[in-house]
Amino acid sequence: MAIGILYANRDYHNYYYGVAPEYATSSRAAYVAERGYSGGRAAFAVSWKVKQLRVGAFVRYDDLHQAEFEHSPLVEQSYTWMAGIGIAWVFSQSPYTVEHPN
């Protein structure tokens, strides 16, 4: 489980949420984001290992309320939920293993 707050610089925020004047339209205003708070995140993940099979799942919630770019015309909602699963099959494994010191 992980909970945290996110921050980013101006370049990062503008890459995803900025609208340069040449790309502004009647329905999308020009927008420049500043550096700062990028929102909060909570995530939970689990994984299982059964012989050569690996299975994992996650759920994540992102909250953009009061984020620096919240008023960007590219932001349509102030929160999002995500979930996913992954399955992997290990075809081969080295016969040499490294033991953890604990």
C-alpha atoms as a PDB file:
ATOM      1  CA  MET A   1       0.000   0.000   0.000  1.00  0.00           C
ATOM      2  CA  ALA A   2       1.236   3.492  -0.784  1.00  0.00           C
ATOM      3  CA  ILE A   3      -0.163   6.935  -0.041  1.00  0.00           C
ATOM      4  CA  GLY A   4       1.512  10.164  -1.035  1.00  0.00           C
ATOM      5  CA  ILE A   5       1.428  13.605  -2.535  1.00  0.00           C
ATOM      6  CA  LEU A   6       2.988  14.527  -5.854  1.00  0.00           C
ATOM      7  CA  TYR A   7       4.906  17.615  -6.964  1.00  0.00           C
ATOM      8  CA  ALA A   8       6.398  18.467 -10.341  1.00  0.00           C
ATOM      9  CA  ASN A   9       8.228  21.265 -12.100  1.00  0.00           C
ATOM     10  CA  ARG A  10       6.778  23.665 -14.655  1.00  0.00           C
ATOM     11  CA  ASP A  11       8.139  21.781 -17.677  1.00  0.00           C
ATOM     12  CA  TYR A  12       6.480  18.529 -16.584  1.00  0.00           C
ATOM     13  CA  HIS A  13       3.117  20.174 -15.855  1.00  0.00           C
ATOM     14  CA  ASN A  14       3.143  22.030 -19.167  1.00  0.00           C
ATOM     15  CA  TYR A  15       4.068  18.917 -21.130  1.00  0.00           C
ATOM     16  CA  TYR A  16       0.860  17.190 -19.977  1.00  0.00           C
ATOM     17  CA  TYR A  17      -1.520  20.043 -19.122  1.00  0.00           C
ATOM     18  CA  GLY A  18      -0.311  23.144 -20.950  1.00  0.00           C
ATOM     19  CA  VAL A  19      -1.877  24.512 -24.136  1.00  0.00           C
ATOM     20  CA  ALA A  20       0.462  26.684 -26.197  1.00  0.00           C
ATOM     21  CA  PRO A  21      -1.187  29.725 -27.821  1.00  0.00           C
ATOM     22  CA  GLU A  22      -0.812  28.248 -31.303  1.00  0.00           C
ATOM     23  CA  TYR A  23      -2.911  25.227 -30.216  1.00  0.00           C
ATOM     24  CA  ALA A  24      -5.669  27.228 -28.541  1.00  0.00           C
ATOM     25  CA  THR A  25      -9.114  27.024 -30.107  1.00  0.00           C
ATOM     26  CA  SER A  26     -12.537  28.504 -29.369  1.00  0.00           C
ATOM     27  CA  SER A  27     -13.240  25.523 -27.092  1.00  0.00           C
ATOM     28  CA  ARG A  28      -9.702  25.176 -25.645  1.00  0.00           C
ATOM     29  CA  ALA A  29      -8.029  28.245 -24.175  1.00  0.00           C
ATOM     30  CA  ALA A  30      -4.274  28.735 -24.001  1.00  0.00           C
ATOM     31  CA  TYR A  31      -2.927  27.623 -20.622  1.00  0.00           C
ATOM     32  CA  VAL A  32       0.434  27.713 -18.832  1.00  0.00           C
ATOM     33  CA  ALA A  33       0.869  25.618 -15.701  1.00  0.00           C
ATOM     34  CA  GLU A  34       3.307  26.465 -12.949  1.00  0.00           C
ATOM     35  CA  ARG A  35       5.386  24.155 -10.803  1.00  0.00           C
ATOM     36  CA  GLY A  36       3.977  22.810  -7.582  1.00  0.00           C
ATOM     37  CA  TYR A  37       1.424  20.424  -6.175  1.00  0.00           C
ATOM     38  CA  SER A  38       0.314  17.705  -8.600  1.00  0.00           C
ATOM     39  CA  GLY A  39      -2.282  15.929  -6.475  1.00  0.00           C
ATOM     40  CA  GLY A  40      -2.530  13.013  -4.107  1.00  0.00           C
ATOM     41  CA  ARG A  41      -2.366   9.284  -4.735  1.00  0.00           C
ATOM     42  CA  ALA A  42      -3.362   6.131  -2.897  1.00  0.00           C
ATOM     43  CA  ALA A  43      -2.511   2.691  -4.276  1.00  0.00           C
ATOM     44  CA  PHE A  44      -2.845  -0.904  -3.181  1.00  0.00           C
ATOM     45  CA  ALA A  45      -1.191  -3.847  -4.925  1.00  0.00           C
ATOM     46  CA  VAL A  46      -0.919  -7.569  -4.307  1.00  0.00           C
ATOM     47  CA  SER A  47       0.941 -10.343  -6.075  1.00  0.00           C
ATOM     48  CA  TRP A  48       1.149 -14.102  -5.888  1.00  0.00           C
ATOM     49  CA  LYS A  49       3.772 -16.574  -6.996  1.00  0.00           C
ATOM     50  CA  VAL A  50       2.862 -20.208  -7.670  1.00  0.00           C
ATOM     51  CA  LYS A  51       5.734 -22.182  -9.163  1.00  0.00           C
ATOM     52  CA  GLN A  52       6.369 -20.494 -12.542  1.00  0.00           C
ATOM     53  CA  LEU A  53       3.182 -18.410 -12.569  1.00  0.00           C
ATOM     54  CA  ARG A  54       3.153 -14.797 -11.333  1.00  0.00           C
ATOM     55  CA  VAL A  55      -0.133 -12.929 -10.832  1.00  0.00           C
ATOM     56  CA  GLY A  56      -0.562  -9.357  -9.635  1.00  0.00           C
ATOM     57  CA  ALA A  57      -3.370  -6.838  -9.223  1.00  0.00           C
ATOM     58  CA  PHE A  58      -3.602  -3.177  -8.238  1.00  0.00           C
ATOM     59  CA  VAL A  59      -6.111  -0.433  -7.481  1.00  0.00           C
ATOM     60  CA  ARG A  60      -5.124   3.259  -7.564  1.00  0.00           C
ATOM     61  CA  TYR A  61      -6.919   6.520  -6.814  1.00  0.00           C
ATOM     62  CA  ASP A  62      -5.553   9.901  -7.963  1.00  0.00           C
ATOM     63  CA  ASP A  63      -6.995  13.168  -6.639  1.00  0.00           C
ATOM     64  CA  LEU A  64      -6.231  16.383  -8.553  1.00  0.00           C
ATOM     65  CA  HIS A  65      -8.235  18.780  -6.361  1.00  0.00           C
ATOM     66  CA  GLN A  66      -6.144  21.910  -5.785  1.00  0.00           C
ATOM     67  CA  ALA A  67      -3.405  20.663  -8.128  1.00  0.00           C
ATOM     68  CA  GLU A  68      -1.477  23.451  -9.838  1.00  0.00           C
ATOM     69  CA  PHE A  69      -2.948  22.476 -13.229  1.00  0.00           C
ATOM     70  CA  GLU A  70      -6.505  21.736 -12.038  1.00  0.00           C
ATOM     71  CA  HIS A  71      -7.923  24.540 -14.230  1.00  0.00           C
ATOM     72  CA  SER A  72      -6.171  23.416 -17.407  1.00  0.00           C
ATOM     73  CA  PRO A  73      -8.635  22.995 -20.289  1.00  0.00           C
ATOM     74  CA  LEU A  74      -7.181  19.500 -20.724  1.00  0.00           C
ATOM     75  CA  VAL A  75      -8.329  18.344 -17.276  1.00  0.00           C
ATOM     76  CA  GLU A  76     -11.853  16.961 -17.509  1.00  0.00           C
ATOM     77  CA  GLN A  77     -12.280  15.644 -13.959  1.00  0.00           C
ATOM     78  CA  SER A  78     -10.468  16.082 -10.664  1.00  0.00           C
ATOM     79  CA  TYR A  79     -10.078  12.431  -9.717  1.00  0.00           C
ATOM     80  CA  THR A  80      -9.597   9.023 -11.289  1.00  0.00           C
ATOM     81  CA  TRP A  81      -9.714   5.359 -10.328  1.00  0.00           C
ATOM     82  CA  MET A  82      -7.536   2.757 -12.021  1.00  0.00           C
ATOM     83  CA  ALA A  83      -7.252  -0.991 -11.629  1.00  0.00           C
ATOM     84  CA  GLY A  84      -5.307  -3.654 -13.397  1.00  0.00           C
ATOM     85  CA  ILE A  85      -4.060  -7.201 -13.374  1.00  0.00           C
ATOM     86  CA  GLY A  86      -0.957  -8.824 -14.724  1.00  0.00           C
ATOM     87  CA  ILE A  87      -0.049 -12.426 -15.415  1.00  0.00           C
ATOM     88  CA  ALA A  88       3.418 -13.721 -16.246  1.00  0.00           C
ATOM     89  CA  TRP A  89       4.865 -17.144 -16.857  1.00  0.00           C
ATOM     90  CA  VAL A  90       8.552 -17.662 -16.057  1.00  0.00           C
ATOM     91  CA  PHE A  91       9.941 -19.913 -18.785  1.00  0.00           C
ATOM     92  CA  SER A  92      13.384 -20.314 -17.292  1.00  0.00           C
ATOM     93  CA  GLN A  93      15.262 -19.358 -14.150  1.00  0.00           C
ATOM     94  CA  SER A  94      18.959 -19.326 -13.323  1.00  0.00           C
ATOM     95  CA  PRO A  95      20.098 -22.246 -11.164  1.00  0.00           C
ATOM     96  CA  TYR A  96      22.130 -19.728  -9.160  1.00  0.00           C
ATOM     97  CA  THR A  97      20.295 -17.729  -6.524  1.00  0.00           C
ATOM     98  CA  VAL A  98      21.328 -14.957  -4.184  1.00  0.00           C
ATOM     99  CA  GLU A  99      20.295 -15.209  -0.565  1.00  0.00           C
ATOM    100  CA  HIS A 100      19.114 -12.137   1.272  1.00  0.00           C
ATOM    101  CA  PRO A 101      21.223 -11.472   4.429  1.00  0.00           C
ATOM    102  CA  ASN A 102      18.131 -11.506   6.699  1.00  0.00           C
END
